[in-house]
Amino acid sequence: TCNIHHGSNTANELKNAKLIIWDE
């Protein structure tokens, strides 16, 4: 599972992102 805690900076980034690019 993703080791990201709710309320962390990474979680807020993923929540607010309008576009996510995953190459390869």
mmCIF file of all heavy atoms, coordinates in Angstrom:
data_MODEL
# 
_entry.id   MODEL 
# 
loop_
_atom_site.group_PDB 
_atom_site.id 
_atom_site.type_symbol 
_atom_site.label_atom_id 
_atom_site.label_alt_id 
_atom_site.label_comp_id 
_atom_site.label_asym_id 
_atom_site.label_entity_id 
_atom_site.label_seq_id 
_atom_site.pdbx_PDB_ins_code 
_atom_site.Cartn_x 
_atom_site.Cartn_y 
_atom_site.Cartn_z 
_atom_site.occupancy 
_atom_site.B_iso_or_equiv 
_atom_site.pdbx_formal_charge 
_atom_site.auth_seq_id 
_atom_site.auth_comp_id 
_atom_site.auth_asym_id 
_atom_site.auth_atom_id 
_atom_site.pdbx_PDB_model_num 
ATOM 1   N N   . THR A 1 1  ? 0.853  -1.183 0.000   1.00 0.00 ? 1  THR A N   1 
ATOM 2   C CA  . THR A 1 1  ? 0.000  0.000  0.000   1.00 0.00 ? 1  THR A CA  1 
ATOM 3   C C   . THR A 1 1  ? 0.889  1.233  0.000   1.00 0.00 ? 1  THR A C   1 
ATOM 4   O O   . THR A 1 1  ? 2.067  1.173  0.365   1.00 0.00 ? 1  THR A O   1 
ATOM 5   C CB  . THR A 1 1  ? -0.907 0.031  1.242   1.00 0.00 ? 1  THR A CB  1 
ATOM 6   O OG1 . THR A 1 1  ? -0.090 -0.029 2.424   1.00 0.00 ? 1  THR A OG1 1 
ATOM 7   C CG2 . THR A 1 1  ? -1.877 -1.141 1.236   1.00 0.00 ? 1  THR A CG2 1 
ATOM 8   N N   . CYS A 1 2  ? 0.323  2.348  -0.411  1.00 0.00 ? 2  CYS A N   1 
ATOM 9   C CA  . CYS A 1 2  ? 1.085  3.592  -0.440  1.00 0.00 ? 2  CYS A CA  1 
ATOM 10  C C   . CYS A 1 2  ? 1.356  4.055  0.984   1.00 0.00 ? 2  CYS A C   1 
ATOM 11  O O   . CYS A 1 2  ? 0.430  4.211  1.785   1.00 0.00 ? 2  CYS A O   1 
ATOM 12  C CB  . CYS A 1 2  ? 0.307  4.662  -1.200  1.00 0.00 ? 2  CYS A CB  1 
ATOM 13  S SG  . CYS A 1 2  ? -0.005 4.259  -2.936  1.00 0.00 ? 2  CYS A SG  1 
ATOM 14  N N   . ASN A 1 3  ? 2.624  4.267  1.292   1.00 0.00 ? 3  ASN A N   1 
ATOM 15  C CA  . ASN A 1 3  ? 3.028  4.675  2.636   1.00 0.00 ? 3  ASN A CA  1 
ATOM 16  C C   . ASN A 1 3  ? 2.953  6.194  2.759   1.00 0.00 ? 3  ASN A C   1 
ATOM 17  O O   . ASN A 1 3  ? 3.965  6.881  2.936   1.00 0.00 ? 3  ASN A O   1 
ATOM 18  C CB  . ASN A 1 3  ? 4.434  4.154  2.937   1.00 0.00 ? 3  ASN A CB  1 
ATOM 19  C CG  . ASN A 1 3  ? 4.832  4.373  4.382   1.00 0.00 ? 3  ASN A CG  1 
ATOM 20  O OD1 . ASN A 1 3  ? 3.977  4.539  5.245   1.00 0.00 ? 3  ASN A OD1 1 
ATOM 21  N ND2 . ASN A 1 3  ? 6.126  4.403  4.633   1.00 0.00 ? 3  ASN A ND2 1 
ATOM 22  N N   . ILE A 1 4  ? 1.729  6.721  2.636   1.00 0.00 ? 4  ILE A N   1 
ATOM 23  C CA  . ILE A 1 4  ? 1.504  8.165  2.690   1.00 0.00 ? 4  ILE A CA  1 
ATOM 24  C C   . ILE A 1 4  ? 0.429  8.432  3.737   1.00 0.00 ? 4  ILE A C   1 
ATOM 25  O O   . ILE A 1 4  ? -0.659 7.846  3.694   1.00 0.00 ? 4  ILE A O   1 
ATOM 26  C CB  . ILE A 1 4  ? 1.056  8.711  1.325   1.00 0.00 ? 4  ILE A CB  1 
ATOM 27  C CG1 . ILE A 1 4  ? 2.108  8.405  0.249   1.00 0.00 ? 4  ILE A CG1 1 
ATOM 28  C CG2 . ILE A 1 4  ? 0.811  10.214 1.400   1.00 0.00 ? 4  ILE A CG2 1 
ATOM 29  C CD1 . ILE A 1 4  ? 1.695  8.815  -1.141  1.00 0.00 ? 4  ILE A CD1 1 
ATOM 30  N N   . HIS A 1 5  ? 0.731  9.295  4.671   1.00 0.00 ? 5  HIS A N   1 
ATOM 31  C CA  . HIS A 1 5  ? -0.211 9.617  5.731   1.00 0.00 ? 5  HIS A CA  1 
ATOM 32  C C   . HIS A 1 5  ? -1.127 10.761 5.295   1.00 0.00 ? 5  HIS A C   1 
ATOM 33  O O   . HIS A 1 5  ? -0.679 11.719 4.650   1.00 0.00 ? 5  HIS A O   1 
ATOM 34  C CB  . HIS A 1 5  ? 0.532  10.004 7.009   1.00 0.00 ? 5  HIS A CB  1 
ATOM 35  C CG  . HIS A 1 5  ? 1.413  8.925  7.552   1.00 0.00 ? 5  HIS A CG  1 
ATOM 36  N ND1 . HIS A 1 5  ? 0.926  7.810  8.193   1.00 0.00 ? 5  HIS A ND1 1 
ATOM 37  C CD2 . HIS A 1 5  ? 2.765  8.784  7.541   1.00 0.00 ? 5  HIS A CD2 1 
ATOM 38  C CE1 . HIS A 1 5  ? 1.917  7.028  8.567   1.00 0.00 ? 5  HIS A CE1 1 
ATOM 39  N NE2 . HIS A 1 5  ? 3.054  7.599  8.176   1.00 0.00 ? 5  HIS A NE2 1 
ATOM 40  N N   . HIS A 1 6  ? -2.379 10.673 5.646   1.00 0.00 ? 6  HIS A N   1 
ATOM 41  C CA  . HIS A 1 6  ? -3.332 11.738 5.345   1.00 0.00 ? 6  HIS A CA  1 
ATOM 42  C C   . HIS A 1 6  ? -2.900 13.020 6.054   1.00 0.00 ? 6  HIS A C   1 
ATOM 43  O O   . HIS A 1 6  ? -2.516 12.997 7.228   1.00 0.00 ? 6  HIS A O   1 
ATOM 44  C CB  . HIS A 1 6  ? -4.732 11.335 5.796   1.00 0.00 ? 6  HIS A CB  1 
ATOM 45  C CG  . HIS A 1 6  ? -5.348 10.301 4.912   1.00 0.00 ? 6  HIS A CG  1 
ATOM 46  N ND1 . HIS A 1 6  ? -6.663 10.326 4.524   1.00 0.00 ? 6  HIS A ND1 1 
ATOM 47  C CD2 . HIS A 1 6  ? -4.832 9.210  4.310   1.00 0.00 ? 6  HIS A CD2 1 
ATOM 48  C CE1 . HIS A 1 6  ? -6.933 9.300  3.749   1.00 0.00 ? 6  HIS A CE1 1 
ATOM 49  N NE2 . HIS A 1 6  ? -5.815 8.599  3.607   1.00 0.00 ? 6  HIS A NE2 1 
ATOM 50  N N   . GLY A 1 7  ? -2.988 14.120 5.354   1.00 0.00 ? 7  GLY A N   1 
ATOM 51  C CA  . GLY A 1 7  ? -2.587 15.399 5.912   1.00 0.00 ? 7  GLY A CA  1 
ATOM 52  C C   . GLY A 1 7  ? -1.136 15.742 5.704   1.00 0.00 ? 7  GLY A C   1 
ATOM 53  O O   . GLY A 1 7  ? -0.727 16.866 5.999   1.00 0.00 ? 7  GLY A O   1 
ATOM 54  N N   . SER A 1 8  ? -0.347 14.790 5.181   1.00 0.00 ? 8  SER A N   1 
ATOM 55  C CA  . SER A 1 8  ? 1.068  15.070 4.906   1.00 0.00 ? 8  SER A CA  1 
ATOM 56  C C   . SER A 1 8  ? 1.187  15.918 3.640   1.00 0.00 ? 8  SER A C   1 
ATOM 57  O O   . SER A 1 8  ? 0.229  16.101 2.887   1.00 0.00 ? 8  SER A O   1 
ATOM 58  C CB  . SER A 1 8  ? 1.845  13.764 4.739   1.00 0.00 ? 8  SER A CB  1 
ATOM 59  O OG  . SER A 1 8  ? 1.359  13.032 3.624   1.00 0.00 ? 8  SER A OG  1 
ATOM 60  N N   . ASN A 1 9  ? 2.389  16.453 3.421   1.00 0.00 ? 9  ASN A N   1 
ATOM 61  C CA  . ASN A 1 9  ? 2.601  17.296 2.242   1.00 0.00 ? 9  ASN A CA  1 
ATOM 62  C C   . ASN A 1 9  ? 2.382  16.510 0.954   1.00 0.00 ? 9  ASN A C   1 
ATOM 63  O O   . ASN A 1 9  ? 1.791  17.018 -0.005  1.00 0.00 ? 9  ASN A O   1 
ATOM 64  C CB  . ASN A 1 9  ? 4.016  17.872 2.270   1.00 0.00 ? 9  ASN A CB  1 
ATOM 65  C CG  . ASN A 1 9  ? 4.222  18.860 3.400   1.00 0.00 ? 9  ASN A CG  1 
ATOM 66  O OD1 . ASN A 1 9  ? 3.259  19.470 3.882   1.00 0.00 ? 9  ASN A OD1 1 
ATOM 67  N ND2 . ASN A 1 9  ? 5.460  19.030 3.843   1.00 0.00 ? 9  ASN A ND2 1 
ATOM 68  N N   . THR A 1 10 ? 2.851  15.257 0.933   1.00 0.00 ? 10 THR A N   1 
ATOM 69  C CA  . THR A 1 10 ? 2.663  14.439 -0.267  1.00 0.00 ? 10 THR A CA  1 
ATOM 70  C C   . THR A 1 10 ? 1.193  14.157 -0.514  1.00 0.00 ? 10 THR A C   1 
ATOM 71  O O   . THR A 1 10 ? 0.720  14.215 -1.653  1.00 0.00 ? 10 THR A O   1 
ATOM 72  C CB  . THR A 1 10 ? 3.439  13.123 -0.133  1.00 0.00 ? 10 THR A CB  1 
ATOM 73  O OG1 . THR A 1 10 ? 4.820  13.395 0.108   1.00 0.00 ? 10 THR A OG1 1 
ATOM 74  C CG2 . THR A 1 10 ? 3.306  12.283 -1.391  1.00 0.00 ? 10 THR A CG2 1 
ATOM 75  N N   . ALA A 1 11 ? 0.444  13.851 0.547   1.00 0.00 ? 11 ALA A N   1 
ATOM 76  C CA  . ALA A 1 11 ? -0.986 13.591 0.386   1.00 0.00 ? 11 ALA A CA  1 
ATOM 77  C C   . ALA A 1 11 ? -1.719 14.829 -0.113  1.00 0.00 ? 11 ALA A C   1 
ATOM 78  O O   . ALA A 1 11 ? -2.608 14.735 -0.975  1.00 0.00 ? 11 ALA A O   1 
ATOM 79  C CB  . ALA A 1 11 ? -1.574 13.122 1.714   1.00 0.00 ? 11 ALA A CB  1 
ATOM 80  N N   . ASN A 1 12 ? -1.355 15.999 0.391   1.00 0.00 ? 12 ASN A N   1 
ATOM 81  C CA  . ASN A 1 12 ? -1.999 17.233 -0.075  1.00 0.00 ? 12 ASN A CA  1 
ATOM 82  C C   . ASN A 1 12 ? -1.645 17.537 -1.526  1.00 0.00 ? 12 ASN A C   1 
ATOM 83  O O   . ASN A 1 12 ? -2.484 18.033 -2.292  1.00 0.00 ? 12 ASN A O   1 
ATOM 84  C CB  . ASN A 1 12 ? -1.590 18.395 0.826   1.00 0.00 ? 12 ASN A CB  1 
ATOM 85  C CG  . ASN A 1 12 ? -2.139 18.254 2.238   1.00 0.00 ? 12 ASN A CG  1 
ATOM 86  O OD1 . ASN A 1 12 ? -3.188 17.626 2.435   1.00 0.00 ? 12 ASN A OD1 1 
ATOM 87  N ND2 . ASN A 1 12 ? -1.450 18.817 3.213   1.00 0.00 ? 12 ASN A ND2 1 
ATOM 88  N N   . GLU A 1 13 ? -0.401 17.234 -1.911  1.00 0.00 ? 13 GLU A N   1 
ATOM 89  C CA  . GLU A 1 13 ? -0.014 17.422 -3.314  1.00 0.00 ? 13 GLU A CA  1 
ATOM 90  C C   . GLU A 1 13 ? -0.839 16.540 -4.230  1.00 0.00 ? 13 GLU A C   1 
ATOM 91  O O   . GLU A 1 13 ? -1.372 16.998 -5.249  1.00 0.00 ? 13 GLU A O   1 
ATOM 92  C CB  . GLU A 1 13 ? 1.483  17.108 -3.483  1.00 0.00 ? 13 GLU A CB  1 
ATOM 93  C CG  . GLU A 1 13 ? 2.408  18.236 -3.144  1.00 0.00 ? 13 GLU A CG  1 
ATOM 94  C CD  . GLU A 1 13 ? 3.831  17.914 -3.531  1.00 0.00 ? 13 GLU A CD  1 
ATOM 95  O OE1 . GLU A 1 13 ? 4.177  16.708 -3.595  1.00 0.00 ? 13 GLU A OE1 1 
ATOM 96  O OE2 . GLU A 1 13 ? 4.607  18.846 -3.783  1.00 0.00 ? 13 GLU A OE2 1 
ATOM 97  N N   . LEU A 1 14 ? -0.958 15.264 -3.882  1.00 0.00 ? 14 LEU A N   1 
ATOM 98  C CA  . LEU A 1 14 ? -1.725 14.340 -4.701  1.00 0.00 ? 14 LEU A CA  1 
ATOM 99  C C   . LEU A 1 14 ? -3.204 14.714 -4.745  1.00 0.00 ? 14 LEU A C   1 
ATOM 100 O O   . LEU A 1 14 ? -3.878 14.527 -5.759  1.00 0.00 ? 14 LEU A O   1 
ATOM 101 C CB  . LEU A 1 14 ? -1.561 12.917 -4.167  1.00 0.00 ? 14 LEU A CB  1 
ATOM 102 C CG  . LEU A 1 14 ? -0.165 12.310 -4.302  1.00 0.00 ? 14 LEU A CG  1 
ATOM 103 C CD1 . LEU A 1 14 ? -0.056 11.006 -3.523  1.00 0.00 ? 14 LEU A CD1 1 
ATOM 104 C CD2 . LEU A 1 14 ? 0.180  12.067 -5.763  1.00 0.00 ? 14 LEU A CD2 1 
ATOM 105 N N   . LYS A 1 15 ? -3.701 15.255 -3.654  1.00 0.00 ? 15 LYS A N   1 
ATOM 106 C CA  . LYS A 1 15 ? -5.115 15.630 -3.594  1.00 0.00 ? 15 LYS A CA  1 
ATOM 107 C C   . LYS A 1 15 ? -5.407 16.870 -4.430  1.00 0.00 ? 15 LYS A C   1 
ATOM 108 O O   . LYS A 1 15 ? -6.474 16.987 -5.035  1.00 0.00 ? 15 LYS A O   1 
ATOM 109 C CB  . LYS A 1 15 ? -5.506 15.876 -2.134  1.00 0.00 ? 15 LYS A CB  1 
ATOM 110 C CG  . LYS A 1 15 ? -6.996 16.051 -1.910  1.00 0.00 ? 15 LYS A CG  1 
ATOM 111 C CD  . LYS A 1 15 ? -7.295 16.140 -0.419  1.00 0.00 ? 15 LYS A CD  1 
ATOM 112 C CE  . LYS A 1 15 ? -8.795 16.265 -0.179  1.00 0.00 ? 15 LYS A CE  1 
ATOM 113 N NZ  . LYS A 1 15 ? -9.100 16.318 1.274   1.00 0.00 ? 15 LYS A NZ  1 
ATOM 114 N N   . ASN A 1 16 ? -4.459 17.791 -4.494  1.00 0.00 ? 16 ASN A N   1 
ATOM 115 C CA  . ASN A 1 16 ? -4.674 19.051 -5.206  1.00 0.00 ? 16 ASN A CA  1 
ATOM 116 C C   . ASN A 1 16 ? -4.198 19.023 -6.648  1.00 0.00 ? 16 ASN A C   1 
ATOM 117 O O   . ASN A 1 16 ? -4.444 19.972 -7.390  1.00 0.00 ? 16 ASN A O   1 
ATOM 118 C CB  . ASN A 1 16 ? -3.959 20.189 -4.467  1.00 0.00 ? 16 ASN A CB  1 
ATOM 119 C CG  . ASN A 1 16 ? -4.506 20.400 -3.068  1.00 0.00 ? 16 ASN A CG  1 
ATOM 120 O OD1 . ASN A 1 16 ? -5.698 20.212 -2.821  1.00 0.00 ? 16 ASN A OD1 1 
ATOM 121 N ND2 . ASN A 1 16 ? -3.635 20.776 -2.134  1.00 0.00 ? 16 ASN A ND2 1 
ATOM 122 N N   . ALA A 1 17 ? -3.515 17.978 -7.062  1.00 0.00 ? 17 ALA A N   1 
ATOM 123 C CA  . ALA A 1 17 ? -2.987 17.915 -8.428  1.00 0.00 ? 17 ALA A CA  1 
ATOM 124 C C   . ALA A 1 17 ? -4.124 17.796 -9.436  1.00 0.00 ? 17 ALA A C   1 
ATOM 125 O O   . ALA A 1 17 ? -5.068 17.025 -9.251  1.00 0.00 ? 17 ALA A O   1 
ATOM 126 C CB  . ALA A 1 17 ? -2.036 16.743 -8.568  1.00 0.00 ? 17 ALA A CB  1 
ATOM 127 N N   . LYS A 1 18 ? -4.028 18.555 -10.496 1.00 0.00 ? 18 LYS A N   1 
ATOM 128 C CA  . LYS A 1 18 ? -5.006 18.493 -11.580 1.00 0.00 ? 18 LYS A CA  1 
ATOM 129 C C   . LYS A 1 18 ? -4.577 17.530 -12.677 1.00 0.00 ? 18 LYS A C   1 
ATOM 130 O O   . LYS A 1 18 ? -5.385 17.128 -13.504 1.00 0.00 ? 18 LYS A O   1 
ATOM 131 C CB  . LYS A 1 18 ? -5.215 19.888 -12.184 1.00 0.00 ? 18 LYS A CB  1 
ATOM 132 C CG  . LYS A 1 18 ? -5.780 20.898 -11.207 1.00 0.00 ? 18 LYS A CG  1 
ATOM 133 C CD  . LYS A 1 18 ? -7.131 20.465 -10.676 1.00 0.00 ? 18 LYS A CD  1 
ATOM 134 C CE  . LYS A 1 18 ? -7.702 21.488 -9.717  1.00 0.00 ? 18 LYS A CE  1 
ATOM 135 N NZ  . LYS A 1 18 ? -9.010 21.061 -9.168  1.00 0.00 ? 18 LYS A NZ  1 
ATOM 136 N N   . LEU A 1 19 ? -3.303 17.200 -12.697 1.00 0.00 ? 19 LEU A N   1 
ATOM 137 C CA  . LEU A 1 19 ? -2.789 16.262 -13.698 1.00 0.00 ? 19 LEU A CA  1 
ATOM 138 C C   . LEU A 1 19 ? -1.647 15.477 -13.082 1.00 0.00 ? 19 LEU A C   1 
ATOM 139 O O   . LEU A 1 19 ? -0.740 16.054 -12.465 1.00 0.00 ? 19 LEU A O   1 
ATOM 140 C CB  . LEU A 1 19 ? -2.304 17.002 -14.954 1.00 0.00 ? 19 LEU A CB  1 
ATOM 141 C CG  . LEU A 1 19 ? -1.578 16.154 -16.004 1.00 0.00 ? 19 LEU A CG  1 
ATOM 142 C CD1 . LEU A 1 19 ? -2.533 15.143 -16.629 1.00 0.00 ? 19 LEU A CD1 1 
ATOM 143 C CD2 . LEU A 1 19 ? -0.957 17.038 -17.084 1.00 0.00 ? 19 LEU A CD2 1 
ATOM 144 N N   . ILE A 1 20 ? -1.686 14.168 -13.234 1.00 0.00 ? 20 ILE A N   1 
ATOM 145 C CA  . ILE A 1 20 ? -0.605 13.293 -12.798 1.00 0.00 ? 20 ILE A CA  1 
ATOM 146 C C   . ILE A 1 20 ? -0.122 12.502 -14.002 1.00 0.00 ? 20 ILE A C   1 
ATOM 147 O O   . ILE A 1 20 ? -0.923 11.865 -14.696 1.00 0.00 ? 20 ILE A O   1 
ATOM 148 C CB  . ILE A 1 20 ? -1.054 12.345 -11.673 1.00 0.00 ? 20 ILE A CB  1 
ATOM 149 C CG1 . ILE A 1 20 ? -1.386 13.138 -10.406 1.00 0.00 ? 20 ILE A CG1 1 
ATOM 150 C CG2 . ILE A 1 20 ? 0.018  11.310 -11.366 1.00 0.00 ? 20 ILE A CG2 1 
ATOM 151 C CD1 . ILE A 1 20 ? -1.838 12.293 -9.249  1.00 0.00 ? 20 ILE A CD1 1 
ATOM 152 N N   . ILE A 1 21 ? 1.166  12.575 -14.270 1.00 0.00 ? 21 ILE A N   1 
ATOM 153 C CA  . ILE A 1 21 ? 1.777  11.866 -15.395 1.00 0.00 ? 21 ILE A CA  1 
ATOM 154 C C   . ILE A 1 21 ? 2.648  10.753 -14.835 1.00 0.00 ? 21 ILE A C   1 
ATOM 155 O O   . ILE A 1 21 ? 3.490  10.985 -13.968 1.00 0.00 ? 21 ILE A O   1 
ATOM 156 C CB  . ILE A 1 21 ? 2.614  12.820 -16.267 1.00 0.00 ? 21 ILE A CB  1 
ATOM 157 C CG1 . ILE A 1 21 ? 1.718  13.904 -16.870 1.00 0.00 ? 21 ILE A CG1 1 
ATOM 158 C CG2 . ILE A 1 21 ? 3.327  12.061 -17.371 1.00 0.00 ? 21 ILE A CG2 1 
ATOM 159 C CD1 . ILE A 1 21 ? 2.471  14.931 -17.691 1.00 0.00 ? 21 ILE A CD1 1 
ATOM 160 N N   . TRP A 1 22 ? 2.438  9.548  -15.345 1.00 0.00 ? 22 TRP A N   1 
ATOM 161 C CA  . TRP A 1 22 ? 3.210  8.378  -14.902 1.00 0.00 ? 22 TRP A CA  1 
ATOM 162 C C   . TRP A 1 22 ? 3.791  7.715  -16.141 1.00 0.00 ? 22 TRP A C   1 
ATOM 163 O O   . TRP A 1 22 ? 3.130  6.943  -16.811 1.00 0.00 ? 22 TRP A O   1 
ATOM 164 C CB  . TRP A 1 22 ? 2.306  7.415  -14.129 1.00 0.00 ? 22 TRP A CB  1 
ATOM 165 C CG  . TRP A 1 22 ? 3.059  6.312  -13.433 1.00 0.00 ? 22 TRP A CG  1 
ATOM 166 C CD1 . TRP A 1 22 ? 4.396  6.074  -13.487 1.00 0.00 ? 22 TRP A CD1 1 
ATOM 167 C CD2 . TRP A 1 22 ? 2.510  5.304  -12.578 1.00 0.00 ? 22 TRP A CD2 1 
ATOM 168 N NE1 . TRP A 1 22 ? 4.722  4.984  -12.729 1.00 0.00 ? 22 TRP A NE1 1 
ATOM 169 C CE2 . TRP A 1 22 ? 3.590  4.492  -12.156 1.00 0.00 ? 22 TRP A CE2 1 
ATOM 170 C CE3 . TRP A 1 22 ? 1.225  4.998  -12.144 1.00 0.00 ? 22 TRP A CE3 1 
ATOM 171 C CZ2 . TRP A 1 22 ? 3.403  3.403  -11.324 1.00 0.00 ? 22 TRP A CZ2 1 
ATOM 172 C CZ3 . TRP A 1 22 ? 1.049  3.921  -11.314 1.00 0.00 ? 22 TRP A CZ3 1 
ATOM 173 C CH2 . TRP A 1 22 ? 2.118  3.134  -10.900 1.00 0.00 ? 22 TRP A CH2 1 
ATOM 174 N N   . ASP A 1 23 ? 5.036  8.025  -16.440 1.00 0.00 ? 23 ASP A N   1 
ATOM 175 C CA  . ASP A 1 23 ? 5.698  7.460  -17.608 1.00 0.00 ? 23 ASP A CA  1 
ATOM 176 C C   . ASP A 1 23 ? 6.328  6.116  -17.246 1.00 0.00 ? 23 ASP A C   1 
ATOM 177 O O   . ASP A 1 23 ? 6.603  5.837  -16.078 1.00 0.00 ? 23 ASP A O   1 
ATOM 178 C CB  . ASP A 1 23 ? 6.768  8.425  -18.118 1.00 0.00 ? 23 ASP A CB  1 
ATOM 179 C CG  . ASP A 1 23 ? 7.271  8.048  -19.503 1.00 0.00 ? 23 ASP A CG  1 
ATOM 180 O OD1 . ASP A 1 23 ? 6.577  7.278  -20.193 1.00 0.00 ? 23 ASP A OD1 1 
ATOM 181 O OD2 . ASP A 1 23 ? 8.353  8.518  -19.895 1.00 0.00 ? 23 ASP A OD2 1 
ATOM 182 N N   . GLU A 1 24 ? 6.569  5.303  -18.278 1.00 0.00 ? 24 GLU A N   1 
ATOM 183 C CA  . GLU A 1 24 ? 7.117  3.954  -18.118 1.00 0.00 ? 24 GLU A CA  1 
ATOM 184 C C   . GLU A 1 24 ? 6.245  3.094  -17.207 1.00 0.00 ? 24 GLU A C   1 
ATOM 185 O O   . GLU A 1 24 ? 6.739  2.190  -16.527 1.00 0.00 ? 24 GLU A O   1 
ATOM 186 C CB  . GLU A 1 24 ? 8.552  4.006  -17.559 1.00 0.00 ? 24 GLU A CB  1 
ATOM 187 C CG  . GLU A 1 24 ? 9.569  4.565  -18.541 1.00 0.00 ? 24 GLU A CG  1 
ATOM 188 C CD  . GLU A 1 24 ? 10.987 4.431  -18.036 1.00 0.00 ? 24 GLU A CD  1 
ATOM 189 O OE1 . GLU A 1 24 ? 11.171 4.278  -16.814 1.00 0.00 ? 24 GLU A OE1 1 
ATOM 190 O OE2 . GLU A 1 24 ? 11.913 4.473  -18.856 1.00 0.00 ? 24 GLU A OE2 1 
# 
